[in-house]
PDB file of N, CA and C in Angstrom:
ATOM      1  N   UNK A   1      61.515  -2.678 -42.016  1.00  0.00           N
ATOM      2  CA  UNK A   1      60.219  -2.731 -41.409  1.00  0.00           C
ATOM      3  C   UNK A   1      60.063  -3.977 -40.544  1.00  0.00           C
ATOM      4  N   UNK A   2      60.542  -5.111 -41.021  1.00  0.00           N
ATOM      5  CA  UNK A   2      60.353  -6.352 -40.278  1.00  0.00           C
ATOM      6  C   UNK A   2      61.121  -6.364 -38.975  1.00  0.00           C
ATOM      7  N   UNK A   3      62.314  -5.754 -38.969  1.00  0.00           N
ATOM      8  CA  UNK A   3      63.056  -5.684 -37.727  1.00  0.00           C
ATOM      9  C   UNK A   3      62.356  -4.735 -36.748  1.00  0.00           C
ATOM     10  N   UNK A   4      61.754  -3.673 -37.247  1.00  0.00           N
ATOM     11  CA  UNK A   4      61.012  -2.740 -36.404  1.00  0.00           C
ATOM     12  C   UNK A   4      59.812  -3.448 -35.785  1.00  0.00           C
ATOM     13  N   UNK A   5      59.108  -4.224 -36.583  1.00  0.00           N
ATOM     14  CA  UNK A   5      57.953  -4.983 -36.088  1.00  0.00           C
ATOM     15  C   UNK A   5      58.390  -5.984 -35.024  1.00  0.00           C
ATOM     16  N   UNK A   6      59.473  -6.703 -35.287  1.00  0.00           N
ATOM     17  CA  UNK A   6      59.987  -7.665 -34.314  1.00  0.00           C
ATOM     18  C   UNK A   6      60.378  -6.976 -33.016  1.00  0.00           C
ATOM     19  N   UNK A   7      61.076  -5.847 -33.126  1.00  0.00           N
ATOM     20  CA  UNK A   7      61.485  -5.120 -31.927  1.00  0.00           C
ATOM     21  C   UNK A   7      60.277  -4.644 -31.122  1.00  0.00           C
ATOM     22  N   UNK A   8      59.237  -4.200 -31.814  1.00  0.00           N
ATOM     23  CA  UNK A   8      58.019  -3.756 -31.112  1.00  0.00           C
ATOM     24  C   UNK A   8      57.381  -4.922 -30.363  1.00  0.00           C
ATOM     25  N   UNK A   9      57.359  -6.087 -30.981  1.00  0.00           N
ATOM     26  CA  UNK A   9      56.795  -7.267 -30.321  1.00  0.00           C
ATOM     27  C   UNK A   9      57.622  -7.658 -29.107  1.00  0.00           C
ATOM     28  N   UNK A  10      58.943  -7.639 -29.265  1.00  0.00           N
ATOM     29  CA  UNK A  10      59.823  -8.060 -28.182  1.00  0.00           C
ATOM     30  C   UNK A  10      59.845  -7.063 -27.023  1.00  0.00           C
ATOM     31  N   UNK A  11      59.466  -5.827 -27.292  1.00  0.00           N
ATOM     32  CA  UNK A  11      59.509  -4.791 -26.258  1.00  0.00           C
ATOM     33  C   UNK A  11      58.405  -4.957 -25.211  1.00  0.00           C
ATOM     34  N   UNK A  12      57.432  -5.791 -25.510  1.00  0.00           N
ATOM     35  CA  UNK A  12      56.295  -5.960 -24.598  1.00  0.00           C
ATOM     36  C   UNK A  12      56.097  -7.437 -24.290  1.00  0.00           C
ATOM     37  N   UNK A  13      55.858  -7.728 -23.030  1.00  0.00           N
ATOM     38  CA  UNK A  13      55.620  -9.106 -22.639  1.00  0.00           C
ATOM     39  C   UNK A  13      54.462  -9.667 -23.467  1.00  0.00           C
ATOM     40  N   UNK A  14      54.684 -10.807 -24.075  1.00  0.00           N
ATOM     41  CA  UNK A  14      53.701 -11.471 -24.934  1.00  0.00           C
ATOM     42  C   UNK A  14      53.239 -10.594 -26.093  1.00  0.00           C
ATOM     43  N   UNK A  15      54.093  -9.646 -26.503  1.00  0.00           N
ATOM     44  CA  UNK A  15      53.739  -8.749 -27.603  1.00  0.00           C
ATOM     45  C   UNK A  15      53.449  -9.487 -28.899  1.00  0.00           C
ATOM     46  N   UNK A  16      54.228 -10.512 -29.198  1.00  0.00           N
ATOM     47  CA  UNK A  16      54.006 -11.266 -30.432  1.00  0.00           C
ATOM     48  C   UNK A  16      52.678 -12.024 -30.381  1.00  0.00           C
ATOM     49  N   UNK A  17      52.344 -12.570 -29.222  1.00  0.00           N
ATOM     50  CA  UNK A  17      51.053 -13.263 -29.091  1.00  0.00           C
ATOM     51  C   UNK A  17      49.895 -12.294 -29.262  1.00  0.00           C
ATOM     52  N   UNK A  18      50.048 -11.085 -28.753  1.00  0.00           N
ATOM     53  CA  UNK A  18      48.999 -10.083 -28.919  1.00  0.00           C
ATOM     54  C   UNK A  18      48.800  -9.745 -30.390  1.00  0.00           C
ATOM     55  N   UNK A  19      49.899  -9.561 -31.108  1.00  0.00           N
ATOM     56  CA  UNK A  19      49.814  -9.242 -32.538  1.00  0.00           C
ATOM     57  C   UNK A  19      49.141 -10.386 -33.289  1.00  0.00           C
ATOM     58  N   UNK A  20      49.498 -11.613 -32.962  1.00  0.00           N
ATOM     59  CA  UNK A  20      48.932 -12.755 -33.690  1.00  0.00           C
ATOM     60  C   UNK A  20      47.444 -12.924 -33.415  1.00  0.00           C
ATOM     61  N   UNK A  21      46.948 -12.319 -32.345  1.00  0.00           N
ATOM     62  CA  UNK A  21      45.536 -12.438 -32.005  1.00  0.00           C
ATOM     63  C   UNK A  21      44.633 -11.425 -32.675  1.00  0.00           C
ATOM     64  N   UNK A  22      45.222 -10.460 -33.396  1.00  0.00           N
ATOM     65  CA  UNK A  22      44.398  -9.460 -34.081  1.00  0.00           C
ATOM     66  C   UNK A  22      43.686 -10.096 -35.266  1.00  0.00           C
ATOM     67  N   UNK A  23      42.376 -10.002 -35.263  1.00  0.00           N
ATOM     68  CA  UNK A  23      41.604 -10.559 -36.377  1.00  0.00           C
ATOM     69  C   UNK A  23      41.179  -9.476 -37.358  1.00  0.00           C
ATOM     70  N   UNK A  24      41.134  -8.249 -36.907  1.00  0.00           N
ATOM     71  CA  UNK A  24      40.767  -7.116 -37.756  1.00  0.00           C
ATOM     72  C   UNK A  24      41.909  -6.102 -37.727  1.00  0.00           C
ATOM     73  N   UNK A  25      42.832  -6.172 -38.700  1.00  0.00           N
ATOM     74  CA  UNK A  25      43.946  -5.224 -38.690  1.00  0.00           C
ATOM     75  C   UNK A  25      43.444  -3.803 -38.923  1.00  0.00           C
ATOM     76  N   UNK A  26      44.143  -2.851 -38.360  1.00  0.00           N
ATOM     77  CA  UNK A  26      43.798  -1.445 -38.541  1.00  0.00           C
ATOM     78  C   UNK A  26      44.145  -0.959 -39.931  1.00  0.00           C
ATOM     79  N   UNK A  27      43.682   0.241 -40.231  1.00  0.00           N
ATOM     80  CA  UNK A  27      43.917   0.835 -41.548  1.00  0.00           C
ATOM     81  C   UNK A  27      45.404   0.958 -41.869  1.00  0.00           C
ATOM     82  N   UNK A  28      46.204   1.332 -40.873  1.00  0.00           N
ATOM     83  CA  UNK A  28      47.642   1.488 -41.100  1.00  0.00           C
ATOM     84  C   UNK A  28      48.290   0.151 -41.460  1.00  0.00           C
ATOM     85  N   UNK A  29      47.871  -0.907 -40.788  1.00  0.00           N
ATOM     86  CA  UNK A  29      48.422  -2.239 -41.089  1.00  0.00           C
ATOM     87  C   UNK A  29      48.047  -2.671 -42.505  1.00  0.00           C
ATOM     88  N   UNK A  30      46.813  -2.423 -42.886  1.00  0.00           N
ATOM     89  CA  UNK A  30      46.357  -2.788 -44.233  1.00  0.00           C
ATOM     90  C   UNK A  30      47.116  -1.974 -45.276  1.00  0.00           C
ATOM     91  N   UNK A  31      47.317  -0.683 -45.013  1.00  0.00           N
ATOM     92  CA  UNK A  31      48.055   0.177 -45.941  1.00  0.00           C
ATOM     93  C   UNK A  31      49.490  -0.310 -46.095  1.00  0.00           C
ATOM     94  N   UNK A  32      50.127  -0.657 -44.993  1.00  0.00           N
ATOM     95  CA  UNK A  32      51.509  -1.158 -45.042  1.00  0.00           C
ATOM     96  C   UNK A  32      51.577  -2.466 -45.826  1.00  0.00           C
ATOM     97  N   UNK A  33      50.657  -3.372 -45.569  1.00  0.00           N
ATOM     98  CA  UNK A  33      50.595  -4.657 -46.275  1.00  0.00           C
ATOM     99  C   UNK A  33      50.467  -4.407 -47.779  1.00  0.00           C
ATOM    100  N   UNK A  34      49.574  -3.509 -48.149  1.00  0.00           N
ATOM    101  CA  UNK A  34      49.334  -3.195 -49.558  1.00  0.00           C
ATOM    102  C   UNK A  34      50.566  -2.559 -50.199  1.00  0.00           C
ATOM    103  N   UNK A  35      51.234  -1.662 -49.483  1.00  0.00           N
ATOM    104  CA  UNK A  35      52.449  -1.021 -50.013  1.00  0.00           C
ATOM    105  C   UNK A  35      53.568  -2.032 -50.231  1.00  0.00           C
ATOM    106  N   UNK A  36      53.714  -2.978 -49.303  1.00  0.00           N
ATOM    107  CA  UNK A  36      54.749  -4.003 -49.463  1.00  0.00           C
ATOM    108  C   UNK A  36      54.476  -4.867 -50.686  1.00  0.00           C
ATOM    109  N   UNK A  37      53.224  -5.228 -50.869  1.00  0.00           N
ATOM    110  CA  UNK A  37      52.856  -6.020 -52.055  1.00  0.00           C
ATOM    111  C   UNK A  37      53.149  -5.221 -53.325  1.00  0.00           C
ATOM    112  N   UNK A  38      52.761  -3.960 -53.334  1.00  0.00           N
ATOM    113  CA  UNK A  38      52.994  -3.103 -54.505  1.00  0.00           C
ATOM    114  C   UNK A  38      54.486  -2.979 -54.812  1.00  0.00           C
ATOM    115  N   UNK A  39      55.319  -2.881 -53.783  1.00  0.00           N
ATOM    116  CA  UNK A  39      56.764  -2.769 -53.994  1.00  0.00           C
ATOM    117  C   UNK A  39      57.319  -4.037 -54.645  1.00  0.00           C
ATOM    118  N   UNK A  40      56.839  -5.190 -54.207  1.00  0.00           N
ATOM    119  CA  UNK A  40      57.303  -6.443 -54.811  1.00  0.00           C
ATOM    120  C   UNK A  40      56.821  -6.568 -56.258  1.00  0.00           C
ATOM    121  N   UNK A  41      55.584  -6.179 -56.510  1.00  0.00           N
ATOM    122  CA  UNK A  41      55.058  -6.217 -57.878  1.00  0.00           C
ATOM    123  C   UNK A  41      55.876  -5.291 -58.776  1.00  0.00           C
ATOM    124  N   UNK A  42      56.193  -4.098 -58.272  1.00  0.00           N
ATOM    125  CA  UNK A  42      57.003  -3.147 -59.040  1.00  0.00           C
ATOM    126  C   UNK A  42      58.395  -3.704 -59.341  1.00  0.00           C
ATOM    127  N   UNK A  43      58.890  -4.591 -58.464  1.00  0.00           N
ATOM    128  CA  UNK A  43      60.204  -5.206 -58.667  1.00  0.00           C
ATOM    129  C   UNK A  43      60.133  -6.421 -59.599  1.00  0.00           C
ATOM    130  N   UNK A  44      58.918  -6.752 -60.042  1.00  0.00           N
ATOM    131  CA  UNK A  44      58.772  -7.853 -60.991  1.00  0.00           C
ATOM    132  C   UNK A  44      58.237  -9.142 -60.425  1.00  0.00           C
ATOM    133  N   UNK A  45      57.861  -9.155 -59.148  1.00  0.00           N
ATOM    134  CA  UNK A  45      57.302 -10.359 -58.547  1.00  0.00           C
ATOM    135  C   UNK A  45      55.827 -10.461 -58.972  1.00  0.00           C
ATOM    136  N   UNK A  46      55.386 -11.633 -59.431  1.00  0.00           N
ATOM    137  CA  UNK A  46      53.973 -11.780 -59.796  1.00  0.00           C
ATOM    138  C   UNK A  46      53.058 -11.443 -58.613  1.00  0.00           C
ATOM    139  N   UNK A  47      51.908 -10.859 -58.886  1.00  0.00           N
ATOM    140  CA  UNK A  47      51.003 -10.361 -57.843  1.00  0.00           C
ATOM    141  C   UNK A  47      50.644 -11.422 -56.816  1.00  0.00           C
ATOM    142  N   UNK A  48      50.275 -12.604 -57.264  1.00  0.00           N
ATOM    143  CA  UNK A  48      49.910 -13.662 -56.309  1.00  0.00           C
ATOM    144  C   UNK A  48      51.088 -14.030 -55.418  1.00  0.00           C
ATOM    145  N   UNK A  49      52.264 -14.121 -56.010  1.00  0.00           N
ATOM    146  CA  UNK A  49      53.465 -14.446 -55.250  1.00  0.00           C
ATOM    147  C   UNK A  49      53.814 -13.322 -54.284  1.00  0.00           C
ATOM    148  N   UNK A  50      53.633 -12.079 -54.703  1.00  0.00           N
ATOM    149  CA  UNK A  50      53.924 -10.935 -53.833  1.00  0.00           C
ATOM    150  C   UNK A  50      53.050 -10.972 -52.584  1.00  0.00           C
ATOM    151  N   UNK A  51      51.780 -11.273 -52.758  1.00  0.00           N
ATOM    152  CA  UNK A  51      50.866 -11.353 -51.619  1.00  0.00           C
ATOM    153  C   UNK A  51      51.287 -12.463 -50.661  1.00  0.00           C
ATOM    154  N   UNK A  52      51.617 -13.613 -51.215  1.00  0.00           N
ATOM    155  CA  UNK A  52      52.061 -14.738 -50.387  1.00  0.00           C
ATOM    156  C   UNK A  52      53.375 -14.397 -49.690  1.00  0.00           C
ATOM    157  N   UNK A  53      54.283 -13.732 -50.402  1.00  0.00           N
ATOM    158  CA  UNK A  53      55.585 -13.382 -49.830  1.00  0.00           C
ATOM    159  C   UNK A  53      55.428 -12.445 -48.638  1.00  0.00           C
ATOM    160  N   UNK A  54      54.611 -11.413 -48.776  1.00  0.00           N
ATOM    161  CA  UNK A  54      54.419 -10.470 -47.672  1.00  0.00           C
ATOM    162  C   UNK A  54      53.771 -11.172 -46.491  1.00  0.00           C
ATOM    163  N   UNK A  55      52.761 -11.979 -46.750  1.00  0.00           N
ATOM    164  CA  UNK A  55      52.100 -12.713 -45.674  1.00  0.00           C
ATOM    165  C   UNK A  55      53.077 -13.664 -44.987  1.00  0.00           C
ATOM    166  N   UNK A  56      53.924 -14.323 -45.767  1.00  0.00           N
ATOM    167  CA  UNK A  56      54.911 -15.256 -45.218  1.00  0.00           C
ATOM    168  C   UNK A  56      55.934 -14.528 -44.339  1.00  0.00           C
ATOM    169  N   UNK A  57      56.433 -13.395 -44.809  1.00  0.00           N
ATOM    170  CA  UNK A  57      57.411 -12.641 -44.017  1.00  0.00           C
ATOM    171  C   UNK A  57      56.793 -12.176 -42.704  1.00  0.00           C
ATOM    172  N   UNK A  58      55.577 -11.646 -42.764  1.00  0.00           N
ATOM    173  CA  UNK A  58      54.929 -11.178 -41.536  1.00  0.00           C
ATOM    174  C   UNK A  58      54.673 -12.338 -40.567  1.00  0.00           C
ATOM    175  N   UNK A  59      54.271 -13.487 -41.100  1.00  0.00           N
ATOM    176  CA  UNK A  59      54.059 -14.664 -40.250  1.00  0.00           C
ATOM    177  C   UNK A  59      55.381 -15.135 -39.646  1.00  0.00           C
ATOM    178  N   UNK A  60      56.450 -15.087 -40.434  1.00  0.00           N
ATOM    179  CA  UNK A  60      57.778 -15.468 -39.936  1.00  0.00           C
ATOM    180  C   UNK A  60      58.214 -14.552 -38.795  1.00  0.00           C
ATOM    181  N   UNK A  61      58.080 -13.252 -39.005  1.00  0.00           N
ATOM    182  CA  UNK A  61      58.485 -12.284 -37.980  1.00  0.00           C
ATOM    183  C   UNK A  61      57.697 -12.535 -36.698  1.00  0.00           C
ATOM    184  N   UNK A  62      56.396 -12.701 -36.830  1.00  0.00           N
ATOM    185  CA  UNK A  62      55.555 -12.922 -35.660  1.00  0.00           C
ATOM    186  C   UNK A  62      55.913 -14.245 -34.976  1.00  0.00           C
ATOM    187  N   UNK A  63      56.041 -15.306 -35.740  1.00  0.00           N
ATOM    188  CA  UNK A  63      56.364 -16.610 -35.167  1.00  0.00           C
ATOM    189  C   UNK A  63      57.723 -16.633 -34.501  1.00  0.00           C
ATOM    190  N   UNK A  64      58.698 -15.979 -35.120  1.00  0.00           N
ATOM    191  CA  UNK A  64      60.039 -15.934 -34.540  1.00  0.00           C
ATOM    192  C   UNK A  64      60.002 -15.195 -33.206  1.00  0.00           C
ATOM    193  N   UNK A  65      59.280 -14.079 -33.174  1.00  0.00           N
ATOM    194  CA  UNK A  65      59.188 -13.298 -31.933  1.00  0.00           C
ATOM    195  C   UNK A  65      58.453 -14.083 -30.847  1.00  0.00           C
ATOM    196  N   UNK A  66      57.414 -14.824 -31.218  1.00  0.00           N
ATOM    197  CA  UNK A  66      56.710 -15.669 -30.239  1.00  0.00           C
ATOM    198  C   UNK A  66      57.681 -16.675 -29.635  1.00  0.00           C
ATOM    199  N   UNK A  67      58.473 -17.315 -30.481  1.00  0.00           N
ATOM    200  CA  UNK A  67      59.445 -18.293 -29.988  1.00  0.00           C
ATOM    201  C   UNK A  67      60.488 -17.631 -29.101  1.00  0.00           C
ATOM    202  N   UNK A  68      60.952 -16.458 -29.482  1.00  0.00           N
ATOM    203  CA  UNK A  68      61.928 -15.744 -28.646  1.00  0.00           C
ATOM    204  C   UNK A  68      61.349 -15.446 -27.268  1.00  0.00           C
ATOM    205  N   UNK A  69      60.096 -15.027 -27.241  1.00  0.00           N
ATOM    206  CA  UNK A  69      59.485 -14.673 -25.967  1.00  0.00           C
ATOM    207  C   UNK A  69      59.159 -15.911 -25.130  1.00  0.00           C
ATOM    208  N   UNK A  70      58.938 -17.033 -25.776  1.00  0.00           N
ATOM    209  CA  UNK A  70      58.603 -18.256 -25.050  1.00  0.00           C
ATOM    210  C   UNK A  70      59.843 -18.957 -24.492  1.00  0.00           C
ATOM    211  N   UNK A  71      60.973 -18.770 -25.150  1.00  0.00           N
ATOM    212  CA  UNK A  71      62.204 -19.439 -24.734  1.00  0.00           C
ATOM    213  C   UNK A  71      63.018 -18.553 -23.820  1.00  0.00           C
ATOM    214  N   UNK A  72      63.886 -19.206 -23.067  1.00  0.00           N
ATOM    215  CA  UNK A  72      64.803 -18.460 -22.217  1.00  0.00           C
ATOM    216  C   UNK A  72      65.791 -17.708 -23.082  1.00  0.00           C
ATOM    217  N   UNK A  73      66.010 -16.460 -22.763  1.00  0.00           N
ATOM    218  CA  UNK A  73      66.996 -15.662 -23.489  1.00  0.00           C
ATOM    219  C   UNK A  73      67.929 -15.006 -22.487  1.00  0.00           C
ATOM    220  N   UNK A  74      68.920 -14.353 -22.975  1.00  0.00           N
ATOM    221  CA  UNK A  74      69.864 -13.672 -22.094  1.00  0.00           C
ATOM    222  C   UNK A  74      70.999 -14.575 -21.680  1.00  0.00           C
ATOM    223  N   UNK A  75      71.481 -14.410 -20.460  1.00  0.00           N
ATOM    224  CA  UNK A  75      72.669 -15.112 -19.975  1.00  0.00           C
ATOM    225  C   UNK A  75      72.507 -16.631 -19.993  1.00  0.00           C
ATOM    226  N   UNK A  76      71.309 -17.129 -19.701  1.00  0.00           N
ATOM    227  CA  UNK A  76      71.097 -18.573 -19.633  1.00  0.00           C
ATOM    228  C   UNK A  76      70.636 -19.174 -20.956  1.00  0.00           C
ATOM    229  N   UNK A  77      70.387 -18.356 -21.936  1.00  0.00           N
ATOM    230  CA  UNK A  77      69.898 -18.840 -23.223  1.00  0.00           C
ATOM    231  C   UNK A  77      70.709 -18.269 -24.360  1.00  0.00           C
ATOM    232  N   UNK A  78      70.094 -18.178 -25.520  1.00  0.00           N
ATOM    233  CA  UNK A  78      70.766 -17.616 -26.684  1.00  0.00           C
ATOM    234  C   UNK A  78      71.062 -16.151 -26.454  1.00  0.00           C
ATOM    235  N   UNK A  79      72.284 -15.714 -26.677  1.00  0.00           N
ATOM    236  CA  UNK A  79      72.556 -14.282 -26.582  1.00  0.00           C
ATOM    237  C   UNK A  79      71.837 -13.531 -27.709  1.00  0.00           C
ATOM    238  N   UNK A  80      71.562 -12.283 -27.475  1.00  0.00           N
ATOM    239  CA  UNK A  80      70.810 -11.458 -28.429  1.00  0.00           C
ATOM    240  C   UNK A  80      71.450 -11.466 -29.817  1.00  0.00           C
ATOM    241  N   UNK A  81      72.777 -11.361 -29.880  1.00  0.00           N
ATOM    242  CA  UNK A  81      73.462 -11.327 -31.170  1.00  0.00           C
ATOM    243  C   UNK A  81      73.184 -12.592 -31.976  1.00  0.00           C
ATOM    244  N   UNK A  82      73.163 -13.727 -31.302  1.00  0.00           N
ATOM    245  CA  UNK A  82      72.913 -15.001 -31.985  1.00  0.00           C
ATOM    246  C   UNK A  82      71.471 -15.074 -32.464  1.00  0.00           C
ATOM    247  N   UNK A  83      70.537 -14.611 -31.642  1.00  0.00           N
ATOM    248  CA  UNK A  83      69.125 -14.602 -32.052  1.00  0.00           C
ATOM    249  C   UNK A  83      68.913 -13.679 -33.245  1.00  0.00           C
ATOM    250  N   UNK A  84      69.561 -12.500 -33.214  1.00  0.00           N
ATOM    251  CA  UNK A  84      69.441 -11.563 -34.329  1.00  0.00           C
ATOM    252  C   UNK A  84      69.988 -12.170 -35.613  1.00  0.00           C
ATOM    253  N   UNK A  85      71.141 -12.818 -35.514  1.00  0.00           N
ATOM    254  CA  UNK A  85      71.753 -13.432 -36.697  1.00  0.00           C
ATOM    255  C   UNK A  85      70.851 -14.536 -37.256  1.00  0.00           C
ATOM    256  N   UNK A  86      70.308 -15.367 -36.386  1.00  0.00           N
ATOM    257  CA  UNK A  86      69.422 -16.442 -36.829  1.00  0.00           C
ATOM    258  C   UNK A  86      68.151 -15.878 -37.467  1.00  0.00           C
ATOM    259  N   UNK A  87      67.604 -14.817 -36.876  1.00  0.00           N
ATOM    260  CA  UNK A  87      66.414 -14.178 -37.443  1.00  0.00           C
ATOM    261  C   UNK A  87      66.705 -13.670 -38.850  1.00  0.00           C
ATOM    262  N   UNK A  88      67.795 -12.944 -39.002  1.00  0.00           N
ATOM    263  CA  UNK A  88      68.132 -12.383 -40.311  1.00  0.00           C
ATOM    264  C   UNK A  88      68.468 -13.470 -41.327  1.00  0.00           C
ATOM    265  N   UNK A  89      69.115 -14.542 -40.904  1.00  0.00           N
ATOM    266  CA  UNK A  89      69.408 -15.651 -41.815  1.00  0.00           C
ATOM    267  C   UNK A  89      68.115 -16.292 -42.322  1.00  0.00           C
ATOM    268  N   UNK A  90      67.146 -16.480 -41.435  1.00  0.00           N
ATOM    269  CA  UNK A  90      65.852 -17.031 -41.859  1.00  0.00           C
ATOM    270  C   UNK A  90      65.130 -16.103 -42.815  1.00  0.00           C
ATOM    271  N   UNK A  91      65.179 -14.825 -42.540  1.00  0.00           N
ATOM    272  CA  UNK A  91      64.553 -13.843 -43.413  1.00  0.00           C
ATOM    273  C   UNK A  91      65.218 -13.850 -44.789  1.00  0.00           C
ATOM    274  N   UNK A  92      66.531 -13.989 -44.810  1.00  0.00           N
ATOM    275  CA  UNK A  92      67.252 -14.061 -46.090  1.00  0.00           C
ATOM    276  C   UNK A  92      66.832 -15.284 -46.907  1.00  0.00           C
ATOM    277  N   UNK A  93      66.541 -16.397 -46.241  1.00  0.00           N
ATOM    278  CA  UNK A  93      66.069 -17.580 -46.969  1.00  0.00           C
ATOM    279  C   UNK A  93      64.734 -17.301 -47.662  1.00  0.00           C
ATOM    280  N   UNK A  94      63.844 -16.622 -46.964  1.00  0.00           N
ATOM    281  CA  UNK A  94      62.554 -16.269 -47.563  1.00  0.00           C
ATOM    282  C   UNK A  94      62.770 -15.324 -48.746  1.00  0.00           C
ATOM    283  N   UNK A  95      63.619 -14.322 -48.563  1.00  0.00           N
ATOM    284  CA  UNK A  95      63.888 -13.359 -49.628  1.00  0.00           C
ATOM    285  C   UNK A  95      64.509 -14.051 -50.842  1.00  0.00           C
ATOM    286  N   UNK A  96      65.407 -14.995 -50.595  1.00  0.00           N
ATOM    287  CA  UNK A  96      66.022 -15.744 -51.702  1.00  0.00           C
ATOM    288  C   UNK A  96      64.961 -16.507 -52.485  1.00  0.00           C
ATOM    289  N   UNK A  97      63.987 -17.061 -51.792  1.00  0.00           N
ATOM    290  CA  UNK A  97      62.898 -17.755 -52.475  1.00  0.00           C
ATOM    291  C   UNK A  97      62.069 -16.818 -53.333  1.00  0.00           C
ATOM    292  N   UNK A  98      61.817 -15.634 -52.821  1.00  0.00           N
ATOM    293  CA  UNK A  98      61.056 -14.635 -53.597  1.00  0.00           C
ATOM    294  C   UNK A  98      61.881 -14.207 -54.808  1.00  0.00           C
ATOM    295  N   UNK A  99      63.169 -13.985 -54.612  1.00  0.00           N
ATOM    296  CA  UNK A  99      64.035 -13.620 -55.745  1.00  0.00           C
ATOM    297  C   UNK A  99      63.985 -14.689 -56.844  1.00  0.00           C
ATOM    298  N   UNK A 100      63.853 -15.924 -56.426  1.00  0.00           N
ATOM    299  CA  UNK A 100      63.784 -17.021 -57.385  1.00  0.00           C
ATOM    300  C   UNK A 100      62.568 -16.965 -58.295  1.00  0.00           C
ATOM    301  N   UNK A 101      61.570 -16.166 -57.926  1.00  0.00           N
ATOM    302  CA  UNK A 101      60.369 -16.062 -58.762  1.00  0.00           C
ATOM    303  C   UNK A 101      60.521 -14.987 -59.841  1.00  0.00           C
ATOM    304  N   UNK A 102      61.591 -14.187 -59.724  1.00  0.00           N
ATOM    305  CA  UNK A 102      61.797 -13.125 -60.713  1.00  0.00           C
ATOM    306  C   UNK A 102      62.314 -13.708 -62.010  1.00  0.00           C
ATOM    307  N   UNK A 103      61.784 -13.194 -63.115  1.00  0.00           N
ATOM    308  CA  UNK A 103      62.291 -13.650 -64.402  1.00  0.00           C
ATOM    309  C   UNK A 103      63.567 -12.893 -64.721  1.00  0.00           C
ATOM    310  N   UNK A 104      64.512 -13.587 -65.281  1.00  0.00           N
ATOM    311  CA  UNK A 104      65.838 -12.998 -65.541  1.00  0.00           C
ATOM    312  C   UNK A 104      65.793 -12.006 -66.664  1.00  0.00           C
TER     313      UNK A 104
END
């Protein structure tokens, strides 16, 4: 889901900035947010931590896409493969932190 969201933002000029400007998310966004939290809770993540984790991941995706759109990319900047790898590595760090909240 996060890669799909990032791709949607990157597909439109200033797409990430537009997303970050929404103050009233639509019903579909709220439903998706709630489902992600429920999935983490079902996996054993405490409810408060699950909410923070989903919010953190969404903020990371949005912030990363904003930075990608603000910086030079392509031939004169970071190649797409390198940006993708860096994005996924950052996401893995967040996921590792969430995993750390699970009781063994």
